[in-house]
Amino acid sequence: MERRASLCGAATVFVVQDVLRAVEHYRDVLGFQTGFTYGQPVFYAGVERDGVMIHLQAASETKRQPGHGAVNVFVTDVDALYRELKSRGARTLNEPKDYPYGMRDFDIHDLDGNQLCFGMESNQQMP
């Protein structure tokens, strides 16, 4: 019997206008670390926080448009993360809220309008 390969990770790719500016935003506002930059000038980069990887691609290098990406990121304390990101100047779209689908989450936009939803399992009993 042939051994089945295992998946071992994934990275969301967001299209951005200015990769270096986006890297600075993810580092300074969202608390990510720069994993790598590529190109001269830089047109692709990766940022990482707690094992969550996001790749940033220059709009000039693809037919896709900035601001159309979205990702859900699962966290251990959504309220603490909300306070942290808000204090750093993140563009929050809403406050953490419990939803009928069993999650407590909130959303932000990056500089280019890509959406990140941070959430965790809700402790609230929903009808």
Protein backbone atom coordinates (compact mmCIF):
# COMPACT_ATOMS: atom_id res chain seq x y z
CA MET A 1 0.00 0.00 0.00
CA GLU A 2 1.37 3.39 -1.01
CA ARG A 3 1.91 5.88 1.79
CA ARG A 4 -0.34 8.91 1.56
CA ALA A 5 1.37 12.31 1.66
CA SER A 6 0.41 14.65 4.50
CA LEU A 7 -0.36 18.33 4.15
CA CYS A 8 1.95 20.35 6.36
CA GLY A 9 1.05 24.01 5.91
CA ALA A 10 -0.51 26.71 3.82
CA ALA A 11 -0.07 30.39 3.11
CA THR A 12 -2.70 32.84 1.97
CA VAL A 13 -1.48 35.13 -0.83
CA PHE A 14 -2.76 38.70 -0.69
CA VAL A 15 -2.26 41.08 -3.61
CA VAL A 16 -1.01 44.50 -2.50
CA GLN A 17 0.02 47.75 -4.21
CA ASP A 18 3.35 48.15 -2.39
CA VAL A 19 4.94 45.02 -0.92
CA LEU A 20 7.43 46.79 1.37
CA ARG A 21 4.75 49.11 2.74
CA ALA A 22 2.51 46.07 3.33
CA VAL A 23 5.33 44.21 5.12
CA GLU A 24 5.82 47.21 7.42
CA HIS A 25 2.07 47.29 8.16
CA TYR A 26 1.91 43.58 8.94
CA ARG A 27 5.00 43.92 11.17
CA ASP A 28 4.27 47.20 12.97
CA VAL A 29 0.47 47.09 13.21
CA LEU A 30 -0.46 43.41 13.07
CA GLY A 31 2.54 41.98 14.94
CA PHE A 32 3.88 39.69 12.20
CA GLN A 33 7.57 39.07 11.52
CA THR A 34 9.15 39.28 8.10
CA GLY A 35 9.85 35.77 6.86
CA PHE A 36 11.36 36.68 3.51
CA THR A 37 11.38 39.23 0.71
CA TYR A 38 12.02 38.44 -2.93
CA GLY A 39 12.98 40.46 -5.99
CA GLN A 40 14.87 43.62 -6.76
CA PRO A 41 12.79 45.69 -6.28
CA VAL A 42 10.81 43.50 -3.89
CA PHE A 43 7.62 42.14 -5.48
CA TYR A 44 6.88 39.18 -3.19
CA ALA A 45 7.25 38.66 0.55
CA GLY A 46 6.14 36.44 3.39
CA VAL A 47 5.17 37.44 6.91
CA GLU A 48 4.53 35.11 9.86
CA ARG A 49 2.98 35.25 13.29
CA ASP A 50 2.64 32.22 15.56
CA GLY A 51 2.85 29.82 12.62
CA VAL A 52 0.33 31.71 10.45
CA MET A 53 1.93 32.60 7.11
CA ILE A 54 0.69 35.29 4.75
CA HIS A 55 2.38 35.98 1.44
CA LEU A 56 2.20 39.42 -0.16
CA GLN A 57 2.39 39.80 -3.94
CA ALA A 58 2.75 43.04 -5.87
CA ALA A 59 -0.26 43.90 -8.02
CA SER A 60 2.15 44.57 -10.89
CA GLU A 61 3.06 40.86 -10.92
CA THR A 62 -0.45 39.38 -11.28
CA LYS A 63 -3.80 39.94 -12.96
CA ARG A 64 -5.54 39.74 -9.58
CA GLN A 65 -6.51 43.01 -7.92
CA PRO A 66 -5.56 44.21 -4.42
CA GLY A 67 -8.21 44.13 -1.75
CA HIS A 68 -10.04 40.98 -2.84
CA GLY A 69 -8.37 38.54 -0.44
CA ALA A 70 -9.74 37.12 2.78
CA VAL A 71 -8.54 34.70 5.44
CA ASN A 72 -9.89 33.33 8.72
CA VAL A 73 -7.28 33.02 11.47
CA PHE A 74 -8.07 31.01 14.59
CA VAL A 75 -6.72 32.47 17.84
CA THR A 76 -6.59 31.56 21.53
CA ASP A 77 -7.95 34.88 22.90
CA VAL A 78 -9.90 36.97 20.40
CA ASP A 79 -10.61 39.81 22.84
CA ALA A 80 -6.95 40.23 23.81
CA LEU A 81 -5.92 40.22 20.15
CA TYR A 82 -8.59 42.80 19.32
CA ARG A 83 -7.27 45.12 22.06
CA GLU A 84 -3.69 44.61 20.88
CA LEU A 85 -4.42 45.31 17.22
CA LYS A 86 -6.71 48.25 18.00
CA SER A 87 -3.98 49.83 20.16
CA ARG A 88 -1.50 49.45 17.28
CA GLY A 89 -3.84 51.26 14.86
CA ALA A 90 -5.35 48.34 12.93
CA ARG A 91 -8.34 49.14 10.69
CA THR A 92 -10.93 47.13 12.62
CA LEU A 93 -14.30 46.64 10.95
CA ASN A 94 -16.14 45.46 14.05
CA GLU A 95 -15.63 44.42 17.66
CA PRO A 96 -15.46 40.79 18.81
CA LYS A 97 -18.93 39.29 18.83
CA ASP A 98 -20.48 35.87 19.43
CA TYR A 99 -22.24 34.44 16.38
CA PRO A 100 -24.85 31.68 16.00
CA TYR A 101 -22.36 29.57 14.05
CA GLY A 102 -20.40 29.06 17.28
CA MET A 103 -17.56 31.52 16.81
CA ARG A 104 -16.53 34.77 18.48
CA ASP A 105 -14.67 36.87 15.95
CA PHE A 106 -13.84 40.29 14.50
CA ASP A 107 -12.58 41.55 11.15
CA ILE A 108 -9.90 43.95 9.98
CA HIS A 109 -8.69 45.26 6.62
CA ASP A 110 -5.05 45.61 5.74
CA LEU A 111 -3.80 48.69 3.88
CA ASP A 112 -5.08 47.33 0.57
CA GLY A 113 -8.48 46.18 1.80
CA ASN A 114 -7.69 42.48 2.17
CA GLN A 115 -9.81 41.11 5.01
CA LEU A 116 -8.55 39.15 8.00
CA CYS A 117 -11.10 37.58 10.35
CA PHE A 118 -9.72 36.56 13.75
CA GLY A 119 -11.84 34.19 15.77
CA MET A 120 -12.19 31.45 18.33
CA GLU A 121 -14.88 29.09 19.51
CA SER A 122 -17.59 30.99 21.38
CA ASN A 123 -18.29 30.30 25.05
CA GLN A 124 -21.86 31.55 24.64
CA GLN A 125 -24.82 29.25 24.23
CA MET A 126 -26.62 30.32 21.07
CA PRO A 127 -30.29 29.58 20.39
